[in-house]
Amino acid sequence: MIFKNNSDKLDYSMHPHGVFYDKNSEGSEYNDGTATSNKSDGIVSPGQTHTYTWAVPERAGPGPNDPSSIIWMYHSHVNSPMDTNSGLVGPMVVTAKGMADSSGRPIDVDREMVSLFTVSDENSSHYLCKNLETFTDETCKNEELVEDDDFAESNLMHGINGYVYGNLPGQTLQKGEHVRWYLIGMGTEVDLHTPHWHGNTVLWNGMRVDVMELMPASLKTVDFVPDNIGTWMFHCHVNDHISAGMMSLFKVI
């Protein structure tokens, strides 16, 4: 994978979960004793590129109790909290050998869905000052505003894939199709999420459930054959998160 940092002034990197990599493809710099020549992966400066090599051995694929594909993720790890709060996180799907089509999708499912549950903290992102200057008459120089508890709380976005209050698009399913739904959790100690599907049930590790548990940086894969036509809610069942908008809709037709 060739990664180019198109930022104007910020350093970024690519750190994967689950797959196999050498130190020069870890995407994270810390005091690990490696040579300077192996550290160009951890900080990629603006305008620079780095080639990451991530192998996918059997231990990076589905385990004995997993379905034919599982979810991992990648994210920038230069300043991991700020980078992920700025949206620099994404999914990686690994399909078992012999179970993927030419595009890498599992051949035994009809549709794949990915949902990231996280409370995005704009106060701890790279964009707070820029957004203040762009969309308001204020700047980060206003210390009274920046340090105000109500202002900080207003910048916590309880989202699913970055959307709040039922605005997430693209969640239309066919009755009877085999859906594989990948779940990702991120965030801090407040990011204890319980995704809940209304009107339908899913299978996880052979168990029938309609609610899953997600912790920060946890990854879950469930199988879903929708059998109940209608427009249904899909949301976190933590009460504070419901009130803050961590909900979406999915439609079965």
Protein backbone atom coordinates (compact mmCIF):
# COMPACT_ATOMS: atom_id res chain seq x y z
CA MET A 1 0.00 0.00 0.00
CA ILE A 2 1.40 3.39 -1.02
CA PHE A 3 0.32 6.11 1.39
CA LYS A 4 0.73 9.79 0.52
CA ASN A 5 0.13 12.50 3.08
CA ASN A 6 -1.85 15.25 1.32
CA SER A 7 -2.15 17.39 4.45
CA ASP A 8 -0.86 20.94 4.30
CA LYS A 9 1.01 20.82 7.62
CA LEU A 10 0.16 17.74 9.72
CA ASP A 11 2.02 14.43 9.99
CA TYR A 12 0.00 11.23 9.57
CA SER A 13 0.54 7.48 9.27
CA MET A 14 -1.31 4.20 8.65
CA HIS A 15 -1.46 1.68 11.51
CA PRO A 16 -3.37 -1.58 10.89
CA HIS A 17 -4.99 -3.98 13.34
CA GLY A 18 -4.86 -7.75 13.00
CA VAL A 19 -2.70 -8.21 9.93
CA PHE A 20 1.02 -9.11 9.80
CA TYR A 21 3.67 -6.41 9.37
CA ASP A 22 7.35 -5.71 9.98
CA LYS A 23 8.50 -2.71 12.00
CA ASN A 24 8.82 -0.57 8.86
CA SER A 25 5.08 -1.00 8.18
CA GLU A 26 3.71 -0.60 11.71
CA GLY A 27 2.72 3.04 11.24
CA SER A 28 3.50 4.03 14.83
CA GLU A 29 6.61 5.69 16.20
CA TYR A 30 7.69 5.10 19.79
CA ASN A 31 10.82 4.20 21.74
CA ASP A 32 11.13 0.63 20.46
CA GLY A 33 14.85 0.59 19.72
CA THR A 34 14.47 0.21 15.96
CA ALA A 35 16.87 1.85 13.55
CA THR A 36 16.11 5.26 12.07
CA SER A 37 15.71 3.61 8.66
CA ASN A 38 12.70 1.72 10.04
CA LYS A 39 10.94 4.79 11.42
CA SER A 40 9.71 6.44 8.22
CA ASP A 41 6.44 4.51 8.59
CA GLY A 42 5.54 6.16 11.90
CA ILE A 43 5.55 9.79 10.76
CA VAL A 44 4.78 10.61 7.13
CA SER A 45 5.23 14.34 6.62
CA PRO A 46 3.03 16.48 4.34
CA GLY A 47 3.71 15.70 0.69
CA GLN A 48 5.70 12.56 1.54
CA THR A 49 4.83 8.94 0.75
CA HIS A 50 5.50 5.63 2.45
CA THR A 51 4.91 2.11 1.20
CA TYR A 52 3.29 -0.13 3.82
CA THR A 53 3.41 -3.89 3.41
CA TRP A 54 0.73 -5.80 5.33
CA ALA A 55 0.61 -9.57 4.92
CA VAL A 56 -2.53 -11.60 5.56
CA PRO A 57 -1.55 -15.01 6.95
CA GLU A 58 -4.12 -17.47 8.26
CA ARG A 59 -3.98 -15.94 11.76
CA ALA A 60 -5.20 -12.62 10.30
CA GLY A 61 -8.27 -14.28 8.80
CA PRO A 62 -11.43 -15.77 10.26
CA GLY A 63 -10.98 -18.05 13.28
CA PRO A 64 -12.78 -21.34 14.08
CA ASN A 65 -15.92 -19.58 15.37
CA ASP A 66 -15.91 -16.79 12.78
CA PRO A 67 -17.94 -16.56 9.57
CA SER A 68 -16.19 -16.47 6.20
CA SER A 69 -15.01 -12.87 6.65
CA ILE A 70 -14.07 -10.62 9.56
CA ILE A 71 -13.40 -6.95 10.14
CA TRP A 72 -10.15 -5.24 11.11
CA MET A 73 -9.38 -1.54 10.98
CA TYR A 74 -6.61 0.96 10.28
CA HIS A 75 -6.02 4.47 11.58
CA SER A 76 -3.40 7.19 11.77
CA HIS A 77 -1.14 6.75 14.80
CA VAL A 78 0.99 9.91 14.91
CA ASN A 79 -1.38 11.39 17.48
CA SER A 80 -3.90 8.59 17.67
CA PRO A 81 -6.62 10.36 19.72
CA MET A 82 -6.54 13.53 17.60
CA ASP A 83 -6.12 11.63 14.33
CA THR A 84 -9.09 9.32 14.94
CA ASN A 85 -11.25 12.17 16.24
CA SER A 86 -10.48 13.88 12.93
CA GLY A 87 -11.89 10.88 11.03
CA LEU A 88 -8.67 9.09 10.09
CA VAL A 89 -9.97 5.56 10.66
CA GLY A 90 -11.30 2.94 8.28
CA PRO A 91 -12.28 -0.75 7.89
CA MET A 92 -10.39 -3.71 6.46
CA VAL A 93 -12.24 -6.94 5.64
CA VAL A 94 -10.34 -10.23 5.49
CA THR A 95 -12.07 -13.16 3.80
CA ALA A 96 -11.10 -16.78 4.34
CA LYS A 97 -9.04 -18.52 1.68
CA GLY A 98 -11.29 -19.95 -1.03
CA MET A 99 -14.30 -17.90 0.13
CA ALA A 100 -13.68 -14.66 -1.77
CA ASP A 101 -14.69 -13.59 -5.26
CA SER A 102 -12.37 -11.70 -7.61
CA SER A 103 -12.97 -8.45 -5.69
CA GLY A 104 -12.25 -10.03 -2.30
CA ARG A 105 -15.87 -10.09 -1.14
CA PRO A 106 -17.12 -13.24 0.62
CA ILE A 107 -19.03 -15.42 -1.84
CA ASP A 108 -21.57 -16.63 0.72
CA VAL A 109 -23.12 -13.22 1.48
CA ASP A 110 -25.25 -10.87 -0.59
CA ARG A 111 -24.43 -7.58 1.09
CA GLU A 112 -21.84 -6.13 3.48
CA MET A 113 -22.45 -3.27 5.92
CA VAL A 114 -19.96 -1.41 8.14
CA SER A 115 -20.94 0.68 11.18
CA LEU A 116 -18.50 2.75 13.25
CA PHE A 117 -19.81 3.73 16.68
CA THR A 118 -17.88 6.54 18.34
CA VAL A 119 -18.34 9.82 20.16
CA SER A 120 -16.27 12.08 17.92
CA ASP A 121 -14.65 14.73 20.11
CA GLU A 122 -14.03 17.83 18.03
CA ASN A 123 -12.25 19.39 21.03
CA SER A 124 -9.59 16.70 20.61
CA SER A 125 -9.42 16.84 16.83
CA HIS A 126 -7.23 18.77 14.40
CA TYR A 127 -10.20 20.88 13.29
CA LEU A 128 -11.51 22.79 16.31
CA CYS A 129 -9.67 26.04 15.63
CA LYS A 130 -10.19 25.87 11.88
CA ASN A 131 -13.92 25.25 12.26
CA LEU A 132 -14.29 28.09 14.74
CA GLU A 133 -12.62 30.47 12.31
CA THR A 134 -14.55 29.15 9.29
CA PHE A 135 -18.07 28.92 10.71
CA THR A 136 -18.14 31.46 13.56
CA ASP A 137 -16.73 34.83 14.51
CA GLU A 138 -14.65 33.22 17.26
CA THR A 139 -11.12 31.79 17.41
CA CYS A 140 -9.24 29.49 19.75
CA LYS A 141 -7.69 32.61 21.25
CA ASN A 142 -10.95 33.02 23.18
CA GLU A 143 -9.84 30.89 26.12
CA GLU A 144 -13.08 31.49 28.03
CA LEU A 145 -15.04 29.89 25.18
CA VAL A 146 -12.64 27.02 24.52
CA GLU A 147 -12.51 26.10 28.22
CA ASP A 148 -16.27 26.40 28.74
CA ASP A 149 -17.81 23.05 29.72
CA ASP A 150 -21.01 23.61 27.73
CA PHE A 151 -19.03 24.50 24.63
CA ALA A 152 -16.88 21.39 25.00
CA GLU A 153 -19.97 19.21 25.45
CA SER A 154 -21.52 20.68 22.29
CA ASN A 155 -18.54 19.38 20.33
CA LEU A 156 -19.12 15.73 21.25
CA MET A 157 -20.84 14.12 18.28
CA HIS A 158 -22.48 10.78 19.12
CA GLY A 159 -22.49 9.28 15.66
CA ILE A 160 -22.74 6.13 13.59
CA ASN A 161 -20.37 6.50 10.63
CA GLY A 162 -20.26 10.17 11.56
CA TYR A 163 -24.03 10.74 11.25
CA VAL A 164 -26.47 11.60 14.05
CA TYR A 165 -30.23 11.60 14.60
CA GLY A 166 -31.23 9.19 11.84
CA ASN A 167 -29.41 10.88 8.94
CA LEU A 168 -27.13 7.96 7.95
CA PRO A 169 -27.87 7.11 4.28
CA GLY A 170 -27.58 3.87 2.33
CA GLN A 171 -29.00 1.29 4.74
CA THR A 172 -31.57 -0.45 2.55
CA LEU A 173 -31.69 -4.26 2.61
CA GLN A 174 -33.66 -6.92 0.77
CA LYS A 175 -35.81 -9.32 2.75
CA GLY A 176 -34.18 -12.76 2.85
CA GLU A 177 -30.73 -11.72 1.64
CA HIS A 178 -27.62 -12.71 3.59
CA VAL A 179 -26.14 -9.56 5.11
CA ARG A 180 -22.80 -9.47 6.88
CA TRP A 181 -22.69 -6.51 9.27
CA TYR A 182 -19.30 -5.35 10.56
CA LEU A 183 -19.15 -3.27 13.75
CA ILE A 184 -16.28 -1.02 14.90
CA GLY A 185 -15.97 0.82 18.20
CA MET A 186 -13.61 3.72 18.87
CA GLY A 187 -13.17 6.49 21.41
CA THR A 188 -12.66 6.86 25.16
CA GLU A 189 -14.18 5.60 28.41
CA VAL A 190 -17.59 6.99 27.38
CA ASP A 191 -17.57 4.84 24.25
CA LEU A 192 -19.34 1.80 25.66
CA HIS A 193 -21.83 1.09 22.89
CA THR A 194 -24.62 -1.42 22.43
CA PRO A 195 -25.79 -1.46 18.79
CA HIS A 196 -29.42 -2.60 18.60
CA TRP A 197 -31.41 -3.62 15.51
CA HIS A 198 -35.16 -3.09 15.76
CA GLY A 199 -37.53 -5.65 14.29
CA ASN A 200 -34.87 -8.21 13.35
CA THR A 201 -32.17 -10.41 14.89
CA VAL A 202 -28.56 -11.25 14.02
CA LEU A 203 -26.18 -14.14 14.66
CA TRP A 204 -22.92 -13.62 16.52
CA ASN A 205 -20.64 -16.55 17.28
CA GLY A 206 -23.63 -18.86 16.80
CA MET A 207 -25.81 -16.91 19.24
CA ARG A 208 -29.08 -15.18 18.34
CA VAL A 209 -29.07 -11.55 19.50
CA ASP A 210 -30.48 -8.14 18.60
CA VAL A 211 -27.96 -6.15 20.67
CA MET A 212 -24.15 -6.29 20.54
CA GLU A 213 -21.47 -4.88 22.86
CA LEU A 214 -18.70 -2.61 21.58
CA MET A 215 -15.73 -1.19 23.46
CA PRO A 216 -13.16 1.31 22.09
CA ALA A 217 -11.14 -0.32 19.27
CA SER A 218 -13.24 -3.50 19.42
CA LEU A 219 -14.44 -5.23 16.26
CA LYS A 220 -17.44 -7.53 15.81
CA THR A 221 -18.89 -9.37 12.81
CA VAL A 222 -22.51 -10.54 12.73
CA ASP A 223 -24.67 -12.27 10.13
CA PHE A 224 -28.12 -11.01 9.38
CA VAL A 225 -30.97 -12.36 7.24
CA PRO A 226 -33.68 -9.67 7.46
CA ASP A 227 -37.16 -11.17 7.58
CA ASN A 228 -39.27 -8.22 8.72
CA ILE A 229 -40.19 -5.63 6.08
CA GLY A 230 -40.29 -2.01 7.19
CA THR A 231 -38.20 0.97 8.25
CA TRP A 232 -36.43 0.17 11.50
CA MET A 233 -34.23 1.93 14.02
CA PHE A 234 -30.57 0.95 14.45
CA HIS A 235 -29.04 2.70 17.44
CA CYS A 236 -26.85 2.55 20.51
CA HIS A 237 -28.90 1.47 23.54
CA VAL A 238 -26.91 3.52 26.07
CA ASN A 239 -29.44 6.09 27.27
CA ASP A 240 -27.12 9.12 27.13
CA HIS A 241 -26.09 8.16 23.62
CA ILE A 242 -29.70 7.82 22.46
CA SER A 243 -30.43 11.31 23.77
CA ALA A 244 -27.34 12.66 22.00
CA GLY A 245 -28.36 11.26 18.61
CA MET A 246 -26.50 7.95 18.19
CA MET A 247 -29.25 6.45 16.06
CA SER A 248 -29.96 5.67 12.44
CA LEU A 249 -32.55 3.91 10.30
CA PHE A 250 -32.37 0.82 8.11
CA LYS A 251 -35.02 -0.28 5.66
CA VAL A 252 -36.01 -3.83 4.72
CA ILE A 253 -37.87 -4.06 1.41
